[in-house]
Amino acid sequence: MTPAAVIGVDPGRSKAGYALVEMSGAVVTAGIEPVERLPVRIAGLMTLRRVTAIALGRGTNARAVRIALSSLPLPVHLVDEYETSRAARALYFREHPPRGWRRLVPTGLQVPSRPIDDYAAILIARRYLARGAETQSPS
């Protein structure tokens, strides 16, 4: 039997990061979708694992994204996004260390080569899991 998982969502105005994360914190898959296609993407993720909840970042456009996700049969929990952008950037550079002359420049001064909303979604899911996913009630 496949392990249970949660879906982390980093909401934005036009796009949202998503991540399917197992209870152990292991990432199954992650990506970025336009907000209007997010419910369909999440419905597809629900076929990969037994998903217990959606952990939605409490930031930009969270209210509209929450309404869009209300058609799904999952509880939506709001999660504080404080410092997730900075932490997502650090996680990105841990997984994609700079090469060549860029490794001489501190990563804090570099900009990732692509949007990192999916990395923020991973961190939102892990933050939800760390705070006791089973004890949290939907917000």
N, C-alpha and C. Protein backbone atom coordinates (compact mmCIF):
# COMPACT_ATOMS: atom_id res chain seq x y z
N MET A 1 0.84 -1.19 0.00
CA MET A 1 0.00 0.00 0.00
C MET A 1 0.89 1.25 0.00
N THR A 2 0.50 2.23 -0.79
CA THR A 2 1.30 3.46 -0.87
C THR A 2 1.08 4.30 0.38
N PRO A 3 2.10 5.03 0.78
CA PRO A 3 1.98 5.86 1.99
C PRO A 3 1.00 7.02 1.77
N ALA A 4 0.42 7.49 2.85
CA ALA A 4 -0.46 8.66 2.81
C ALA A 4 0.39 9.90 2.53
N ALA A 5 -0.29 10.95 2.05
CA ALA A 5 0.42 12.16 1.69
C ALA A 5 -0.48 13.38 1.89
N VAL A 6 0.14 14.55 1.83
CA VAL A 6 -0.58 15.82 1.80
C VAL A 6 -0.13 16.57 0.56
N ILE A 7 -0.95 17.53 0.17
CA ILE A 7 -0.59 18.38 -0.96
C ILE A 7 -0.36 19.78 -0.42
N GLY A 8 0.83 20.29 -0.65
CA GLY A 8 1.15 21.66 -0.28
C GLY A 8 0.87 22.56 -1.46
N VAL A 9 0.32 23.75 -1.20
CA VAL A 9 0.03 24.71 -2.26
C VAL A 9 0.54 26.08 -1.85
N ASP A 10 1.33 26.67 -2.73
CA ASP A 10 1.80 28.05 -2.55
C ASP A 10 1.01 28.92 -3.51
N PRO A 11 -0.04 29.61 -3.02
CA PRO A 11 -0.91 30.37 -3.92
C PRO A 11 -0.26 31.66 -4.39
N GLY A 12 -0.58 32.02 -5.62
CA GLY A 12 -0.13 33.28 -6.17
C GLY A 12 -1.26 33.90 -6.97
N ARG A 13 -1.01 35.05 -7.57
CA ARG A 13 -2.07 35.71 -8.34
C ARG A 13 -2.44 34.93 -9.60
N SER A 14 -1.45 34.53 -10.38
CA SER A 14 -1.74 33.85 -11.64
C SER A 14 -1.29 32.40 -11.66
N LYS A 15 -0.32 32.06 -10.81
CA LYS A 15 0.17 30.68 -10.78
C LYS A 15 0.31 30.23 -9.33
N ALA A 16 0.35 28.91 -9.16
CA ALA A 16 0.49 28.36 -7.81
C ALA A 16 1.45 27.19 -7.86
N GLY A 17 2.29 27.10 -6.85
CA GLY A 17 3.15 25.94 -6.71
C GLY A 17 2.38 24.85 -5.99
N TYR A 18 2.65 23.61 -6.35
CA TYR A 18 2.02 22.48 -5.67
C TYR A 18 3.07 21.42 -5.41
N ALA A 19 2.83 20.61 -4.38
CA ALA A 19 3.76 19.52 -4.06
C ALA A 19 2.99 18.42 -3.36
N LEU A 20 3.18 17.19 -3.85
CA LEU A 20 2.63 16.01 -3.20
C LEU A 20 3.73 15.47 -2.31
N VAL A 21 3.50 15.51 -1.00
CA VAL A 21 4.53 15.18 -0.02
C VAL A 21 4.02 14.08 0.91
N GLU A 22 4.79 13.01 1.02
CA GLU A 22 4.43 11.91 1.92
C GLU A 22 4.56 12.36 3.37
N MET A 23 3.94 11.62 4.27
CA MET A 23 3.97 11.96 5.69
C MET A 23 5.40 12.00 6.24
N SER A 24 6.32 11.29 5.59
CA SER A 24 7.72 11.31 6.01
C SER A 24 8.43 12.60 5.59
N GLY A 25 7.79 13.38 4.74
CA GLY A 25 8.40 14.60 4.22
C GLY A 25 9.00 14.41 2.84
N ALA A 26 9.01 13.18 2.33
CA ALA A 26 9.56 12.90 1.00
C ALA A 26 8.63 13.46 -0.07
N VAL A 27 9.23 14.09 -1.07
CA VAL A 27 8.47 14.69 -2.16
C VAL A 27 8.22 13.64 -3.24
N VAL A 28 6.95 13.47 -3.59
CA VAL A 28 6.57 12.55 -4.66
C VAL A 28 6.67 13.28 -5.99
N THR A 29 6.05 14.45 -6.07
CA THR A 29 6.10 15.28 -7.27
C THR A 29 5.77 16.71 -6.89
N ALA A 30 6.20 17.64 -7.70
CA ALA A 30 5.95 19.06 -7.46
C ALA A 30 5.97 19.79 -8.80
N GLY A 31 5.32 20.94 -8.82
CA GLY A 31 5.31 21.73 -10.05
C GLY A 31 4.61 23.05 -9.84
N ILE A 32 4.37 23.72 -10.95
CA ILE A 32 3.70 25.02 -10.94
C ILE A 32 2.60 24.98 -12.00
N GLU A 33 1.43 25.47 -11.63
CA GLU A 33 0.27 25.47 -12.52
C GLU A 33 -0.39 26.84 -12.49
N PRO A 34 -1.03 27.23 -13.59
CA PRO A 34 -1.90 28.41 -13.53
C PRO A 34 -3.01 28.14 -12.51
N VAL A 35 -3.43 29.14 -11.78
CA VAL A 35 -4.41 28.98 -10.71
C VAL A 35 -5.69 28.32 -11.23
N GLU A 36 -6.12 28.70 -12.42
CA GLU A 36 -7.39 28.15 -12.92
C GLU A 36 -7.30 26.65 -13.23
N ARG A 37 -6.11 26.10 -13.43
CA ARG A 37 -5.96 24.66 -13.70
C ARG A 37 -5.55 23.87 -12.46
N LEU A 38 -5.34 24.55 -11.36
CA LEU A 38 -4.87 23.89 -10.14
C LEU A 38 -5.81 22.79 -9.62
N PRO A 39 -7.13 23.00 -9.57
CA PRO A 39 -7.99 21.92 -9.07
C PRO A 39 -7.87 20.63 -9.89
N VAL A 40 -7.74 20.75 -11.19
CA VAL A 40 -7.60 19.57 -12.05
C VAL A 40 -6.27 18.87 -11.77
N ARG A 41 -5.21 19.64 -11.60
CA ARG A 41 -3.90 19.05 -11.29
C ARG A 41 -3.95 18.32 -9.96
N ILE A 42 -4.56 18.94 -8.95
CA ILE A 42 -4.62 18.32 -7.63
C ILE A 42 -5.48 17.05 -7.67
N ALA A 43 -6.56 17.08 -8.44
CA ALA A 43 -7.38 15.87 -8.59
C ALA A 43 -6.53 14.74 -9.18
N GLY A 44 -5.66 15.06 -10.11
CA GLY A 44 -4.75 14.06 -10.67
C GLY A 44 -3.77 13.53 -9.64
N LEU A 45 -3.27 14.41 -8.78
CA LEU A 45 -2.33 13.99 -7.73
C LEU A 45 -3.00 13.03 -6.75
N MET A 46 -4.29 13.20 -6.57
CA MET A 46 -5.02 12.35 -5.63
C MET A 46 -5.08 10.90 -6.11
N THR A 47 -4.78 10.66 -7.36
CA THR A 47 -4.76 9.29 -7.87
C THR A 47 -3.42 8.61 -7.60
N LEU A 48 -2.41 9.38 -7.23
CA LEU A 48 -1.07 8.83 -6.99
C LEU A 48 -0.87 8.31 -5.58
N ARG A 49 -1.55 8.93 -4.62
CA ARG A 49 -1.41 8.57 -3.21
C ARG A 49 -2.75 8.78 -2.51
N ARG A 50 -2.85 8.24 -1.31
CA ARG A 50 -4.01 8.52 -0.47
C ARG A 50 -3.74 9.87 0.20
N VAL A 51 -4.34 10.91 -0.33
CA VAL A 51 -4.12 12.27 0.15
C VAL A 51 -5.09 12.56 1.28
N THR A 52 -4.56 13.05 2.39
CA THR A 52 -5.39 13.32 3.57
C THR A 52 -5.81 14.77 3.70
N ALA A 53 -5.07 15.71 3.08
CA ALA A 53 -5.39 17.12 3.24
C ALA A 53 -4.62 17.97 2.24
N ILE A 54 -5.07 19.19 2.10
CA ILE A 54 -4.35 20.21 1.35
C ILE A 54 -3.84 21.23 2.35
N ALA A 55 -2.55 21.51 2.31
CA ALA A 55 -1.94 22.55 3.15
C ALA A 55 -1.76 23.77 2.25
N LEU A 56 -2.56 24.79 2.46
CA LEU A 56 -2.58 25.98 1.61
C LEU A 56 -1.88 27.13 2.32
N GLY A 57 -0.89 27.69 1.67
CA GLY A 57 -0.20 28.85 2.22
C GLY A 57 -1.17 30.00 2.40
N ARG A 58 -1.01 30.73 3.48
CA ARG A 58 -1.93 31.80 3.86
C ARG A 58 -1.58 33.13 3.18
N GLY A 59 -0.82 33.10 2.08
CA GLY A 59 -0.35 34.33 1.45
C GLY A 59 -1.23 34.86 0.35
N THR A 60 -0.58 35.48 -0.62
CA THR A 60 -1.24 36.12 -1.75
C THR A 60 -2.26 35.21 -2.41
N ASN A 61 -3.46 35.71 -2.58
CA ASN A 61 -4.53 35.02 -3.31
C ASN A 61 -5.02 33.73 -2.63
N ALA A 62 -4.70 33.52 -1.39
CA ALA A 62 -5.10 32.29 -0.69
C ALA A 62 -6.62 32.12 -0.68
N ARG A 63 -7.34 33.21 -0.49
CA ARG A 63 -8.80 33.11 -0.44
C ARG A 63 -9.37 32.59 -1.76
N ALA A 64 -8.94 33.15 -2.88
CA ALA A 64 -9.44 32.72 -4.19
C ALA A 64 -9.04 31.28 -4.50
N VAL A 65 -7.82 30.91 -4.14
CA VAL A 65 -7.37 29.53 -4.38
C VAL A 65 -8.16 28.58 -3.50
N ARG A 66 -8.42 28.97 -2.28
CA ARG A 66 -9.21 28.11 -1.38
C ARG A 66 -10.60 27.87 -1.95
N ILE A 67 -11.20 28.89 -2.49
CA ILE A 67 -12.52 28.75 -3.11
C ILE A 67 -12.44 27.81 -4.32
N ALA A 68 -11.38 27.96 -5.12
CA ALA A 68 -11.20 27.10 -6.29
C ALA A 68 -11.03 25.64 -5.88
N LEU A 69 -10.39 25.40 -4.74
CA LEU A 69 -10.14 24.03 -4.28
C LEU A 69 -11.32 23.43 -3.52
N SER A 70 -12.34 24.23 -3.23
CA SER A 70 -13.47 23.76 -2.42
C SER A 70 -14.25 22.64 -3.11
N SER A 71 -14.09 22.47 -4.40
CA SER A 71 -14.80 21.39 -5.11
C SER A 71 -14.15 20.03 -4.87
N LEU A 72 -12.96 20.02 -4.32
CA LEU A 72 -12.26 18.76 -4.06
C LEU A 72 -12.68 18.17 -2.72
N PRO A 73 -12.70 16.84 -2.61
CA PRO A 73 -13.16 16.20 -1.37
C PRO A 73 -12.06 16.08 -0.31
N LEU A 74 -11.35 17.17 -0.07
CA LEU A 74 -10.26 17.18 0.91
C LEU A 74 -10.39 18.39 1.82
N PRO A 75 -10.02 18.24 3.10
CA PRO A 75 -9.98 19.42 3.96
C PRO A 75 -8.81 20.32 3.55
N VAL A 76 -9.04 21.62 3.61
CA VAL A 76 -8.00 22.60 3.29
C VAL A 76 -7.58 23.28 4.59
N HIS A 77 -6.29 23.20 4.90
CA HIS A 77 -5.75 23.80 6.12
C HIS A 77 -4.88 24.98 5.72
N LEU A 78 -5.11 26.14 6.31
CA LEU A 78 -4.26 27.30 6.05
C LEU A 78 -2.99 27.19 6.88
N VAL A 79 -1.86 27.46 6.24
CA VAL A 79 -0.55 27.34 6.87
C VAL A 79 0.19 28.66 6.71
N ASP A 80 0.82 29.12 7.77
CA ASP A 80 1.61 30.35 7.74
C ASP A 80 2.74 30.21 6.73
N GLU A 81 2.90 31.20 5.87
CA GLU A 81 3.94 31.19 4.84
C GLU A 81 5.19 31.97 5.22
N TYR A 82 5.26 32.45 6.44
CA TYR A 82 6.36 33.32 6.83
C TYR A 82 7.72 32.69 6.47
N GLU A 83 8.52 33.44 5.73
CA GLU A 83 9.89 33.06 5.33
C GLU A 83 9.97 31.89 4.35
N THR A 84 8.84 31.45 3.76
CA THR A 84 8.94 30.32 2.83
C THR A 84 9.66 30.70 1.54
N SER A 85 9.55 31.94 1.10
CA SER A 85 10.25 32.34 -0.14
C SER A 85 11.76 32.24 0.04
N ARG A 86 12.25 32.74 1.17
CA ARG A 86 13.68 32.67 1.44
C ARG A 86 14.13 31.21 1.59
N ALA A 87 13.37 30.43 2.33
CA ALA A 87 13.72 29.03 2.53
C ALA A 87 13.61 28.22 1.24
N ALA A 88 12.63 28.58 0.38
CA ALA A 88 12.49 27.89 -0.90
C ALA A 88 13.71 28.16 -1.79
N ARG A 89 14.19 29.37 -1.74
CA ARG A 89 15.39 29.72 -2.52
C ARG A 89 16.60 28.90 -2.03
N ALA A 90 16.74 28.77 -0.72
CA ALA A 90 17.84 27.98 -0.16
C ALA A 90 17.71 26.51 -0.55
N LEU A 91 16.49 25.97 -0.48
CA LEU A 91 16.26 24.58 -0.87
C LEU A 91 16.57 24.37 -2.35
N TYR A 92 16.16 25.32 -3.18
CA TYR A 92 16.45 25.24 -4.62
C TYR A 92 17.96 25.14 -4.85
N PHE A 93 18.72 26.00 -4.19
CA PHE A 93 20.17 26.01 -4.41
C PHE A 93 20.86 24.79 -3.77
N ARG A 94 20.26 24.20 -2.73
CA ARG A 94 20.80 22.93 -2.22
C ARG A 94 20.64 21.82 -3.24
N GLU A 95 19.50 21.81 -3.93
CA GLU A 95 19.25 20.78 -4.93
C GLU A 95 19.88 21.09 -6.28
N HIS A 96 20.14 22.35 -6.55
CA HIS A 96 20.76 22.77 -7.81
C HIS A 96 21.92 23.71 -7.51
N PRO A 97 23.01 23.17 -6.97
CA PRO A 97 24.12 24.05 -6.60
C PRO A 97 24.70 24.77 -7.82
N PRO A 98 25.09 26.02 -7.63
CA PRO A 98 25.70 26.77 -8.73
C PRO A 98 26.96 26.07 -9.24
N ARG A 99 27.19 26.22 -10.52
CA ARG A 99 28.37 25.61 -11.15
C ARG A 99 29.26 26.69 -11.74
N GLY A 100 30.46 26.30 -12.06
CA GLY A 100 31.40 27.23 -12.69
C GLY A 100 31.70 28.41 -11.78
N TRP A 101 31.81 29.58 -12.39
CA TRP A 101 32.15 30.77 -11.63
C TRP A 101 31.05 31.15 -10.64
N ARG A 102 29.80 30.72 -10.89
CA ARG A 102 28.69 31.06 -9.99
C ARG A 102 28.85 30.45 -8.60
N ARG A 103 29.63 29.37 -8.49
CA ARG A 103 29.81 28.78 -7.15
C ARG A 103 30.65 29.67 -6.26
N LEU A 104 31.32 30.67 -6.84
CA LEU A 104 32.11 31.62 -6.06
C LEU A 104 31.25 32.75 -5.49
N VAL A 105 30.05 32.91 -6.04
CA VAL A 105 29.14 33.97 -5.60
C VAL A 105 28.20 33.39 -4.54
N PRO A 106 28.05 34.03 -3.38
CA PRO A 106 27.13 33.51 -2.37
C PRO A 106 25.72 33.32 -2.95
N THR A 107 25.08 32.21 -2.61
CA THR A 107 23.76 31.93 -3.18
C THR A 107 22.72 32.97 -2.75
N GLY A 108 22.94 33.64 -1.63
CA GLY A 108 22.04 34.70 -1.20
C GLY A 108 22.02 35.88 -2.15
N LEU A 109 23.04 35.99 -2.99
CA LEU A 109 23.11 37.07 -3.97
C LEU A 109 22.66 36.62 -5.35
N GLN A 110 22.32 35.34 -5.49
CA GLN A 110 21.91 34.82 -6.79
C GLN A 110 20.40 34.67 -6.87
N VAL A 111 19.91 34.64 -8.10
CA VAL A 111 18.50 34.45 -8.35
C VAL A 111 18.33 33.10 -9.04
N PRO A 112 17.40 32.26 -8.57
CA PRO A 112 17.17 30.98 -9.25
C PRO A 112 16.83 31.20 -10.72
N SER A 113 17.14 30.23 -11.54
CA SER A 113 16.94 30.36 -12.98
C SER A 113 15.49 30.16 -13.41
N ARG A 114 14.61 29.86 -12.45
CA ARG A 114 13.20 29.65 -12.76
C ARG A 114 12.37 29.98 -11.53
N PRO A 115 11.04 30.11 -11.69
CA PRO A 115 10.20 30.34 -10.51
C PRO A 115 10.34 29.18 -9.52
N ILE A 116 10.22 29.47 -8.23
CA ILE A 116 10.41 28.43 -7.21
C ILE A 116 9.17 28.23 -6.34
N ASP A 117 8.00 28.50 -6.91
CA ASP A 117 6.75 28.32 -6.18
C ASP A 117 6.56 26.86 -5.73
N ASP A 118 7.06 25.92 -6.52
CA ASP A 118 6.94 24.51 -6.15
C ASP A 118 7.77 24.19 -4.91
N TYR A 119 8.93 24.83 -4.79
CA TYR A 119 9.75 24.62 -3.59
C TYR A 119 9.07 25.22 -2.36
N ALA A 120 8.39 26.35 -2.54
CA ALA A 120 7.64 26.94 -1.43
C ALA A 120 6.49 26.00 -1.03
N ALA A 121 5.85 25.36 -2.01
CA ALA A 121 4.76 24.41 -1.71
C ALA A 121 5.29 23.21 -0.92
N ILE A 122 6.48 22.75 -1.26
CA ILE A 122 7.10 21.65 -0.50
C ILE A 122 7.26 22.07 0.96
N LEU A 123 7.76 23.27 1.17
CA LEU A 123 7.99 23.76 2.53
C LEU A 123 6.68 23.96 3.29
N ILE A 124 5.64 24.41 2.60
CA ILE A 124 4.33 24.58 3.24
C ILE A 124 3.80 23.22 3.68
N ALA A 125 3.91 22.21 2.81
CA ALA A 125 3.46 20.86 3.18
C ALA A 125 4.26 20.33 4.37
N ARG A 126 5.56 20.51 4.34
CA ARG A 126 6.39 20.02 5.45
C ARG A 126 6.10 20.76 6.74
N ARG A 127 5.82 22.04 6.65
CA ARG A 127 5.47 22.82 7.85
C ARG A 127 4.15 22.29 8.44
N TYR A 128 3.21 22.00 7.57
CA TYR A 128 1.94 21.42 8.03
C TYR A 128 2.17 20.08 8.72
N LEU A 129 2.98 19.24 8.11
CA LEU A 129 3.26 17.92 8.71
C LEU A 129 4.00 18.05 10.03
N ALA A 130 4.92 18.99 10.12
CA ALA A 130 5.70 19.18 11.34
C ALA A 130 4.84 19.66 12.50
N ARG A 131 3.76 20.32 12.20
CA ARG A 131 2.88 20.84 13.25
C ARG A 131 1.80 19.85 13.64
N GLY A 132 1.92 18.62 13.15
CA GLY A 132 0.97 17.59 13.54
C GLY A 132 -0.26 17.56 12.67
N ALA A 133 -0.11 17.07 11.46
CA ALA A 133 -1.21 17.05 10.49
C ALA A 133 -2.47 16.41 11.05
N GLU A 134 -2.32 15.41 11.86
CA GLU A 134 -3.50 14.69 12.37
C GLU A 134 -4.26 15.50 13.42
N THR A 135 -3.59 16.46 14.05
CA THR A 135 -4.25 17.21 15.12
C THR A 135 -4.82 18.53 14.64
N GLN A 136 -4.56 18.92 13.40
CA GLN A 136 -5.04 20.21 12.90
C GLN A 136 -6.43 20.07 12.33
N SER A 137 -7.24 21.06 12.59
CA SER A 137 -8.59 21.07 12.01
C SER A 137 -8.59 22.02 10.83
N PRO A 138 -9.49 21.82 9.86
CA PRO A 138 -9.53 22.71 8.70
C PRO A 138 -9.77 24.14 9.13
N SER A 139 -9.14 25.07 8.43
CA SER A 139 -9.32 26.50 8.74
C SER A 139 -10.42 27.09 7.92
